[in-house]
Amino acid sequence: MKPFSSQDPSLESTFVMYEAKFKSLADQKRLHIMHLLCQHGSTCVCDLSEMIGMPQSKLSYHLKILLDANLITKETKGTWSYYELNSEEVNNLLSPELCCLFHSSC
């Protein structure tokens, strides 16, 4: 097994990508947002703000982090934004794809 080096841009970019995903998950408020989206499906930001008891300005900060990590998706309808859990991406974090980073047999 070859050691990690900064000369391997593919491996380094993979590490950066997973770091962002796990950092976004390392917050109780964002986990709560994801849980609500899992329960309710596509949800308007105004409804989500009420459900979580957080002003839209603070909620937007957390939603942006989750969007940047591709853990949720956003659809704009008129003036409102609707958010939904990106189940495929969340499932990938728990899949053999991630485990391959830690097993030499992959």
N, C-alpha and C. Protein backbone atom coordinates (compact mmCIF):
# COMPACT_ATOMS: atom_id res chain seq x y z
N MET A 1 0.85 -1.17 0.00
CA MET A 1 0.00 0.00 0.00
C MET A 1 0.89 1.23 0.00
N LYS A 2 0.63 2.13 -0.94
CA LYS A 2 1.47 3.32 -0.99
C LYS A 2 0.97 4.36 0.00
N PRO A 3 1.91 5.07 0.64
CA PRO A 3 1.50 6.09 1.62
C PRO A 3 0.86 7.29 0.93
N PHE A 4 0.03 7.98 1.69
CA PHE A 4 -0.62 9.20 1.19
C PHE A 4 0.44 10.25 0.92
N SER A 5 0.29 10.89 -0.20
CA SER A 5 1.19 12.01 -0.49
C SER A 5 0.38 13.10 -1.18
N SER A 6 0.86 14.29 -1.06
CA SER A 6 0.16 15.41 -1.70
C SER A 6 0.30 15.34 -3.22
N GLN A 7 1.07 14.38 -3.72
CA GLN A 7 1.25 14.21 -5.15
C GLN A 7 0.09 13.43 -5.78
N ASP A 8 -0.82 12.91 -4.96
CA ASP A 8 -1.95 12.13 -5.45
C ASP A 8 -3.21 12.99 -5.35
N PRO A 9 -3.48 13.82 -6.38
CA PRO A 9 -4.60 14.76 -6.30
C PRO A 9 -5.96 14.06 -6.20
N SER A 10 -6.09 12.88 -6.78
CA SER A 10 -7.37 12.17 -6.71
C SER A 10 -7.69 11.77 -5.28
N LEU A 11 -6.72 11.21 -4.60
CA LEU A 11 -6.92 10.79 -3.21
C LEU A 11 -7.12 12.00 -2.31
N GLU A 12 -6.34 13.03 -2.53
CA GLU A 12 -6.45 14.24 -1.72
C GLU A 12 -7.82 14.89 -1.89
N SER A 13 -8.33 14.95 -3.13
CA SER A 13 -9.65 15.55 -3.35
C SER A 13 -10.75 14.69 -2.72
N THR A 14 -10.56 13.39 -2.69
CA THR A 14 -11.52 12.50 -2.02
C THR A 14 -11.55 12.79 -0.53
N PHE A 15 -10.38 12.96 0.05
CA PHE A 15 -10.30 13.28 1.48
C PHE A 15 -10.98 14.62 1.78
N VAL A 16 -10.73 15.61 0.94
CA VAL A 16 -11.33 16.94 1.13
C VAL A 16 -12.85 16.85 1.04
N MET A 17 -13.35 16.09 0.08
CA MET A 17 -14.79 15.94 -0.11
C MET A 17 -15.43 15.30 1.14
N TYR A 18 -14.85 14.22 1.63
CA TYR A 18 -15.42 13.55 2.81
C TYR A 18 -15.26 14.40 4.06
N GLU A 19 -14.19 15.16 4.16
CA GLU A 19 -14.01 16.05 5.30
C GLU A 19 -15.17 17.05 5.36
N ALA A 20 -15.52 17.64 4.23
CA ALA A 20 -16.62 18.61 4.18
C ALA A 20 -17.95 17.95 4.57
N LYS A 21 -18.18 16.74 4.09
CA LYS A 21 -19.42 16.05 4.40
C LYS A 21 -19.52 15.76 5.89
N PHE A 22 -18.45 15.25 6.47
CA PHE A 22 -18.51 14.90 7.89
C PHE A 22 -18.51 16.13 8.78
N LYS A 23 -17.84 17.20 8.36
CA LYS A 23 -17.92 18.45 9.12
C LYS A 23 -19.34 18.98 9.14
N SER A 24 -20.02 18.85 8.01
CA SER A 24 -21.40 19.34 7.96
C SER A 24 -22.31 18.51 8.86
N LEU A 25 -21.98 17.26 9.07
CA LEU A 25 -22.78 16.39 9.94
C LEU A 25 -22.44 16.58 11.42
N ALA A 26 -21.35 17.24 11.70
CA ALA A 26 -20.87 17.38 13.08
C ALA A 26 -21.52 18.56 13.79
N ASP A 27 -22.83 18.69 13.65
CA ASP A 27 -23.55 19.78 14.27
C ASP A 27 -24.98 19.30 14.55
N GLN A 28 -25.42 19.44 15.79
CA GLN A 28 -26.74 18.96 16.17
C GLN A 28 -27.86 19.65 15.40
N LYS A 29 -27.72 20.93 15.14
CA LYS A 29 -28.77 21.65 14.41
C LYS A 29 -28.92 21.11 13.00
N ARG A 30 -27.79 20.86 12.34
CA ARG A 30 -27.85 20.33 10.98
C ARG A 30 -28.39 18.90 10.96
N LEU A 31 -28.03 18.12 11.96
CA LEU A 31 -28.60 16.77 12.06
C LEU A 31 -30.11 16.84 12.26
N HIS A 32 -30.56 17.80 13.07
CA HIS A 32 -31.99 18.00 13.29
C HIS A 32 -32.69 18.39 11.98
N ILE A 33 -32.09 19.28 11.23
CA ILE A 33 -32.64 19.69 9.93
C ILE A 33 -32.77 18.48 9.02
N MET A 34 -31.74 17.67 8.95
CA MET A 34 -31.77 16.48 8.10
C MET A 34 -32.84 15.51 8.56
N HIS A 35 -32.98 15.37 9.86
CA HIS A 35 -34.01 14.47 10.41
C HIS A 35 -35.41 14.96 10.01
N LEU A 36 -35.64 16.26 10.12
CA LEU A 36 -36.94 16.82 9.73
C LEU A 36 -37.21 16.60 8.24
N LEU A 37 -36.19 16.81 7.42
CA LEU A 37 -36.36 16.61 5.98
C LEU A 37 -36.61 15.14 5.66
N CYS A 38 -36.00 14.26 6.41
CA CYS A 38 -36.23 12.82 6.23
C CYS A 38 -37.69 12.49 6.57
N GLN A 39 -38.21 13.07 7.61
CA GLN A 39 -39.59 12.80 8.05
C GLN A 39 -40.62 13.43 7.12
N HIS A 40 -40.36 14.64 6.63
CA HIS A 40 -41.38 15.42 5.92
C HIS A 40 -41.17 15.50 4.41
N GLY A 41 -40.04 15.04 3.91
CA GLY A 41 -39.78 15.16 2.47
C GLY A 41 -39.50 16.61 2.11
N SER A 42 -39.79 16.96 0.88
CA SER A 42 -39.55 18.32 0.39
C SER A 42 -40.30 19.33 1.26
N THR A 43 -39.55 20.28 1.83
CA THR A 43 -40.13 21.21 2.79
C THR A 43 -39.71 22.63 2.47
N CYS A 44 -40.68 23.53 2.50
CA CYS A 44 -40.42 24.95 2.29
C CYS A 44 -39.58 25.50 3.44
N VAL A 45 -38.67 26.39 3.13
CA VAL A 45 -37.80 26.97 4.14
C VAL A 45 -38.62 27.66 5.24
N CYS A 46 -39.75 28.26 4.88
CA CYS A 46 -40.58 28.93 5.89
C CYS A 46 -41.16 27.93 6.88
N ASP A 47 -41.58 26.77 6.40
CA ASP A 47 -42.10 25.72 7.29
C ASP A 47 -40.98 25.11 8.12
N LEU A 48 -39.85 24.91 7.50
CA LEU A 48 -38.70 24.34 8.20
C LEU A 48 -38.26 25.26 9.34
N SER A 49 -38.30 26.55 9.10
CA SER A 49 -37.94 27.53 10.12
C SER A 49 -38.85 27.40 11.35
N GLU A 50 -40.14 27.23 11.11
CA GLU A 50 -41.09 27.04 12.21
C GLU A 50 -40.86 25.71 12.93
N MET A 51 -40.65 24.65 12.16
CA MET A 51 -40.47 23.31 12.74
C MET A 51 -39.27 23.25 13.68
N ILE A 52 -38.20 23.91 13.27
CA ILE A 52 -36.96 23.83 14.05
C ILE A 52 -36.84 24.97 15.05
N GLY A 53 -37.73 25.97 14.93
CA GLY A 53 -37.70 27.09 15.87
C GLY A 53 -36.46 27.95 15.72
N MET A 54 -36.12 28.25 14.48
CA MET A 54 -34.91 29.02 14.19
C MET A 54 -35.24 30.09 13.16
N PRO A 55 -34.75 31.30 13.34
CA PRO A 55 -34.99 32.33 12.33
C PRO A 55 -34.41 31.90 10.98
N GLN A 56 -35.06 32.35 9.90
CA GLN A 56 -34.62 31.97 8.56
C GLN A 56 -33.18 32.34 8.29
N SER A 57 -32.71 33.43 8.84
CA SER A 57 -31.32 33.85 8.60
C SER A 57 -30.33 32.82 9.15
N LYS A 58 -30.58 32.32 10.35
CA LYS A 58 -29.69 31.31 10.94
C LYS A 58 -29.87 29.97 10.23
N LEU A 59 -31.11 29.65 9.90
CA LEU A 59 -31.39 28.40 9.20
C LEU A 59 -30.68 28.37 7.84
N SER A 60 -30.69 29.48 7.15
CA SER A 60 -30.04 29.57 5.84
C SER A 60 -28.55 29.24 5.92
N TYR A 61 -27.90 29.66 6.99
CA TYR A 61 -26.48 29.36 7.21
C TYR A 61 -26.27 27.84 7.23
N HIS A 62 -27.09 27.14 8.00
CA HIS A 62 -26.96 25.69 8.14
C HIS A 62 -27.35 24.97 6.84
N LEU A 63 -28.38 25.47 6.17
CA LEU A 63 -28.79 24.86 4.91
C LEU A 63 -27.70 24.98 3.86
N LYS A 64 -27.01 26.10 3.83
CA LYS A 64 -25.91 26.30 2.86
C LYS A 64 -24.80 25.28 3.08
N ILE A 65 -24.47 25.02 4.32
CA ILE A 65 -23.42 24.03 4.64
C ILE A 65 -23.85 22.65 4.16
N LEU A 66 -25.10 22.29 4.43
CA LEU A 66 -25.61 20.99 3.99
C LEU A 66 -25.70 20.90 2.47
N LEU A 67 -26.07 22.00 1.83
CA LEU A 67 -26.11 22.04 0.36
C LEU A 67 -24.72 21.88 -0.24
N ASP A 68 -23.76 22.60 0.31
CA ASP A 68 -22.38 22.53 -0.18
C ASP A 68 -21.80 21.12 -0.05
N ALA A 69 -22.26 20.39 0.97
CA ALA A 69 -21.80 19.02 1.18
C ALA A 69 -22.63 18.02 0.37
N ASN A 70 -23.62 18.53 -0.37
CA ASN A 70 -24.50 17.72 -1.21
C ASN A 70 -25.36 16.74 -0.39
N LEU A 71 -25.62 17.08 0.86
CA LEU A 71 -26.43 16.22 1.71
C LEU A 71 -27.91 16.55 1.61
N ILE A 72 -28.23 17.72 1.08
CA ILE A 72 -29.61 18.10 0.80
C ILE A 72 -29.65 18.73 -0.59
N THR A 73 -30.86 18.81 -1.14
CA THR A 73 -31.05 19.47 -2.42
C THR A 73 -32.02 20.63 -2.23
N LYS A 74 -32.00 21.54 -3.19
CA LYS A 74 -32.84 22.74 -3.11
C LYS A 74 -33.56 22.92 -4.44
N GLU A 75 -34.85 23.23 -4.34
CA GLU A 75 -35.64 23.56 -5.53
C GLU A 75 -36.36 24.86 -5.24
N THR A 76 -36.23 25.80 -6.15
CA THR A 76 -36.89 27.09 -5.98
C THR A 76 -38.20 27.09 -6.76
N LYS A 77 -39.27 27.45 -6.05
CA LYS A 77 -40.60 27.56 -6.66
C LYS A 77 -41.10 28.97 -6.35
N GLY A 78 -41.08 29.82 -7.37
CA GLY A 78 -41.45 31.21 -7.16
C GLY A 78 -40.43 31.88 -6.25
N THR A 79 -40.91 32.42 -5.14
CA THR A 79 -40.00 33.09 -4.20
C THR A 79 -39.55 32.18 -3.07
N TRP A 80 -40.06 30.95 -3.02
CA TRP A 80 -39.75 30.05 -1.92
C TRP A 80 -38.78 28.96 -2.33
N SER A 81 -37.94 28.56 -1.38
CA SER A 81 -37.01 27.46 -1.60
C SER A 81 -37.50 26.25 -0.83
N TYR A 82 -37.46 25.12 -1.49
CA TYR A 82 -37.85 23.84 -0.89
C TYR A 82 -36.61 22.96 -0.79
N TYR A 83 -36.43 22.36 0.37
CA TYR A 83 -35.26 21.54 0.63
C TYR A 83 -35.69 20.10 0.83
N GLU A 84 -34.80 19.20 0.41
CA GLU A 84 -35.07 17.78 0.55
C GLU A 84 -33.76 17.06 0.86
N LEU A 85 -33.86 16.01 1.64
CA LEU A 85 -32.68 15.20 1.96
C LEU A 85 -32.20 14.51 0.69
N ASN A 86 -30.91 14.54 0.45
CA ASN A 86 -30.32 13.81 -0.67
C ASN A 86 -30.00 12.41 -0.17
N SER A 87 -31.00 11.55 -0.19
CA SER A 87 -30.88 10.20 0.38
C SER A 87 -29.75 9.40 -0.24
N GLU A 88 -29.56 9.55 -1.53
CA GLU A 88 -28.49 8.80 -2.20
C GLU A 88 -27.12 9.18 -1.62
N GLU A 89 -26.90 10.46 -1.44
CA GLU A 89 -25.61 10.92 -0.90
C GLU A 89 -25.44 10.49 0.54
N VAL A 90 -26.50 10.61 1.34
CA VAL A 90 -26.43 10.19 2.74
C VAL A 90 -26.15 8.69 2.82
N ASN A 91 -26.81 7.91 1.97
CA ASN A 91 -26.57 6.47 1.95
C ASN A 91 -25.14 6.14 1.53
N ASN A 92 -24.56 6.94 0.63
CA ASN A 92 -23.17 6.71 0.22
C ASN A 92 -22.20 6.86 1.38
N LEU A 93 -22.52 7.72 2.32
CA LEU A 93 -21.63 7.89 3.48
C LEU A 93 -21.59 6.64 4.34
N LEU A 94 -22.61 5.81 4.22
CA LEU A 94 -22.70 4.60 5.02
C LEU A 94 -22.41 3.35 4.19
N SER A 95 -21.91 3.54 3.00
CA SER A 95 -21.76 2.45 2.05
C SER A 95 -20.33 1.93 1.96
N PRO A 96 -20.16 0.84 1.21
CA PRO A 96 -18.82 0.32 0.95
C PRO A 96 -17.91 1.32 0.24
N GLU A 97 -18.50 2.28 -0.48
CA GLU A 97 -17.69 3.30 -1.16
C GLU A 97 -16.76 4.01 -0.18
N LEU A 98 -17.27 4.40 0.96
CA LEU A 98 -16.45 5.05 1.96
C LEU A 98 -15.52 4.04 2.63
N CYS A 99 -16.04 2.86 2.89
CA CYS A 99 -15.24 1.84 3.54
C CYS A 99 -13.99 1.50 2.73
N CYS A 100 -14.06 1.65 1.41
CA CYS A 100 -12.92 1.35 0.55
C CYS A 100 -11.69 2.21 0.88
N LEU A 101 -11.93 3.37 1.43
CA LEU A 101 -10.79 4.22 1.82
C LEU A 101 -9.98 3.60 2.95
N PHE A 102 -10.60 2.67 3.68
CA PHE A 102 -9.96 2.12 4.86
C PHE A 102 -9.64 0.63 4.77
N HIS A 103 -9.80 0.04 3.58
CA HIS A 103 -9.45 -1.36 3.37
C HIS A 103 -8.50 -1.47 2.20
N SER A 104 -7.42 -2.18 2.38
CA SER A 104 -6.43 -2.29 1.31
C SER A 104 -6.91 -3.19 0.18
N SER A 105 -7.95 -3.98 0.38
CA SER A 105 -8.42 -4.91 -0.65
C SER A 105 -9.27 -4.25 -1.72
N CYS A 106 -9.61 -2.97 -1.59
CA CYS A 106 -10.47 -2.30 -2.58
C CYS A 106 -9.69 -1.81 -3.77
